[in-house]
């Protein structure tokens, strides 16, 4: 059973396409097949790393920045509307907290959860997609070395 999340299945598809392309490039020459397959698996590993890096690390930063800007405006509107006016201050008993400080606290707590939820959403067997590029490159090296000693 294959377990993937998001676009994690692309690692298997890229690896299969790379191995197939390497076998096709060897044109049936059995001595050259492991070298071409290994080289194409390494190239597929590099492509998988870049794809995973984009999907799991760079795109979530842009999504988070957009979410943070929208949520900051919502919290500011709530503060202006009086949502946090009667909140007791935990550091000064008997006094009320500054509504803007409470709004910032709420925003910081929410943003930590959202940021953690956005990263590494694309995985295969619980391994993030960008790290599967190293696995694919390692398999390519093993195929080339095994083919050289055959």
Protein backbone atom coordinates (compact mmCIF):
# COMPACT_ATOMS: atom_id res chain seq x y z
CA UNK A 1 0.00 0.00 0.00
CA UNK A 2 1.37 3.40 -1.00
CA UNK A 3 0.78 6.24 1.44
CA UNK A 4 1.10 9.76 0.14
CA UNK A 5 -0.18 13.19 1.02
CA UNK A 6 -0.69 16.04 -1.41
CA UNK A 7 1.51 15.66 -4.48
CA UNK A 8 3.85 13.11 -2.85
CA UNK A 9 2.95 10.49 -5.46
CA UNK A 10 4.92 12.57 -7.99
CA UNK A 11 8.14 11.10 -6.56
CA UNK A 12 7.15 7.64 -7.81
CA UNK A 13 5.98 9.00 -11.15
CA UNK A 14 9.16 11.03 -11.67
CA UNK A 15 11.32 8.05 -10.66
CA UNK A 16 9.46 5.71 -13.01
CA UNK A 17 9.62 8.17 -15.88
CA UNK A 18 13.33 8.77 -15.27
CA UNK A 19 14.13 5.05 -15.18
CA UNK A 20 12.05 4.43 -18.31
CA UNK A 21 13.72 7.30 -20.14
CA UNK A 22 17.15 6.02 -19.11
CA UNK A 23 16.32 2.53 -20.38
CA UNK A 24 15.06 4.00 -23.65
CA UNK A 25 18.20 6.11 -24.03
CA UNK A 26 20.42 3.03 -23.80
CA UNK A 27 18.75 1.72 -26.98
CA UNK A 28 18.77 -1.87 -25.82
CA UNK A 29 22.49 -2.01 -25.08
CA UNK A 30 22.51 -4.07 -21.88
CA UNK A 31 25.94 -2.79 -20.84
CA UNK A 32 24.87 0.85 -20.95
CA UNK A 33 21.39 0.45 -19.44
CA UNK A 34 22.44 0.74 -15.74
CA UNK A 35 24.50 3.85 -16.46
CA UNK A 36 21.71 5.65 -18.29
CA UNK A 37 19.07 4.55 -15.79
CA UNK A 38 21.29 5.66 -12.90
CA UNK A 39 22.02 9.04 -14.48
CA UNK A 40 18.35 9.65 -15.20
CA UNK A 41 17.41 8.66 -11.63
CA UNK A 42 19.94 11.19 -10.33
CA UNK A 43 18.43 13.82 -12.65
CA UNK A 44 14.96 12.81 -11.47
CA UNK A 45 16.16 13.16 -7.88
CA UNK A 46 17.34 16.69 -8.56
CA UNK A 47 13.99 17.52 -10.18
CA UNK A 48 12.14 15.97 -7.22
CA UNK A 49 14.18 18.01 -4.76
CA UNK A 50 13.42 21.27 -6.58
CA UNK A 51 9.74 20.37 -6.93
CA UNK A 52 9.45 19.40 -3.25
CA UNK A 53 11.34 22.50 -2.16
CA UNK A 54 8.92 24.66 -4.11
CA UNK A 55 5.76 22.83 -2.98
CA UNK A 56 6.72 22.31 0.67
CA UNK A 57 8.83 25.33 1.57
CA UNK A 58 8.52 28.27 -0.83
CA UNK A 59 4.84 28.20 -1.72
CA UNK A 60 3.70 27.89 1.94
CA UNK A 61 5.64 31.06 2.81
CA UNK A 62 3.69 33.00 0.19
CA UNK A 63 0.41 31.46 1.38
CA UNK A 64 1.24 32.30 4.98
CA UNK A 65 2.12 35.90 4.14
CA UNK A 66 -1.24 36.38 2.42
CA UNK A 67 -3.11 34.75 5.29
CA UNK A 68 -1.23 36.81 7.87
CA UNK A 69 -2.03 40.10 6.14
CA UNK A 70 -5.74 39.25 5.91
CA UNK A 71 -5.92 37.97 9.50
CA UNK A 72 -4.06 41.01 10.82
CA UNK A 73 -6.71 43.26 9.28
CA UNK A 74 -9.47 41.11 10.80
CA UNK A 75 -7.91 41.26 14.27
CA UNK A 76 -7.40 45.03 13.96
CA UNK A 77 -11.07 45.42 13.04
CA UNK A 78 -12.04 43.31 16.07
CA UNK A 79 -9.87 45.45 18.35
CA UNK A 80 -11.37 48.65 16.94
CA UNK A 81 -14.81 47.12 17.43
CA UNK A 82 -14.11 46.49 21.12
CA UNK A 83 -13.71 42.71 21.08
CA UNK A 84 -10.76 42.72 23.49
CA UNK A 85 -11.69 45.66 25.73
CA UNK A 86 -12.55 43.80 28.97
CA UNK A 87 -9.76 41.22 29.08
CA UNK A 88 -7.94 40.99 32.43
CA UNK A 89 -4.18 41.48 32.37
CA UNK A 90 -2.41 38.33 33.66
CA UNK A 91 0.70 40.27 34.68
CA UNK A 92 -1.15 43.02 36.57
CA UNK A 93 -4.03 41.52 38.58
CA UNK A 94 -7.07 43.74 38.90
CA UNK A 95 -6.31 45.74 35.75
CA UNK A 96 -7.41 45.36 32.15
CA UNK A 97 -5.00 44.47 29.38
CA UNK A 98 -4.27 46.68 26.42
CA UNK A 99 -6.65 45.55 23.63
CA UNK A 100 -3.95 45.91 20.95
CA UNK A 101 -1.56 43.71 22.95
CA UNK A 102 -4.26 41.05 23.32
CA UNK A 103 -4.94 41.22 19.57
CA UNK A 104 -1.24 40.76 18.79
CA UNK A 105 -1.08 37.82 21.21
CA UNK A 106 -4.06 36.15 19.52
CA UNK A 107 -2.54 36.74 16.09
CA UNK A 108 0.84 35.28 17.16
CA UNK A 109 -0.79 32.18 18.63
CA UNK A 110 -2.84 31.55 15.47
CA UNK A 111 0.07 32.23 13.12
CA UNK A 112 2.28 29.61 14.81
CA UNK A 113 -0.36 26.94 14.21
CA UNK A 114 -1.03 28.01 10.63
CA UNK A 115 2.67 28.13 9.71
CA UNK A 116 3.21 24.60 11.04
CA UNK A 117 0.18 23.32 9.14
CA UNK A 118 1.32 24.80 5.81
CA UNK A 119 4.82 23.30 5.57
CA UNK A 120 5.64 19.79 4.34
CA UNK A 121 2.15 18.98 3.10
CA UNK A 122 3.42 16.86 0.19
CA UNK A 123 4.98 13.58 1.29
CA UNK A 124 5.36 9.92 0.39
CA UNK A 125 5.50 7.38 3.22
CA UNK A 126 5.64 10.35 5.65
CA UNK A 127 8.88 11.63 4.05
CA UNK A 128 8.63 15.17 2.60
CA UNK A 129 8.89 15.32 -1.18
CA UNK A 130 12.13 17.32 -1.26
CA UNK A 131 13.98 14.65 0.76
CA UNK A 132 12.84 11.89 -1.59
CA UNK A 133 15.06 13.52 -4.20
CA UNK A 134 18.09 12.40 -2.17
CA UNK A 135 16.68 8.87 -1.95
CA UNK A 136 16.14 8.78 -5.71
CA UNK A 137 19.67 10.07 -6.37
CA UNK A 138 21.08 7.42 -4.00
CA UNK A 139 19.17 4.70 -5.84
CA UNK A 140 20.61 6.03 -9.11
CA UNK A 141 24.16 5.78 -7.73
CA UNK A 142 23.52 2.24 -6.48
CA UNK A 143 22.16 1.23 -9.90
CA UNK A 144 25.23 2.62 -11.66
CA UNK A 145 27.69 0.96 -9.26
CA UNK A 146 25.84 -2.36 -9.40
CA UNK A 147 25.80 -2.19 -13.20
CA UNK A 148 29.54 -1.49 -13.30
CA UNK A 149 30.33 -4.59 -11.26
CA UNK A 150 28.00 -6.90 -13.15
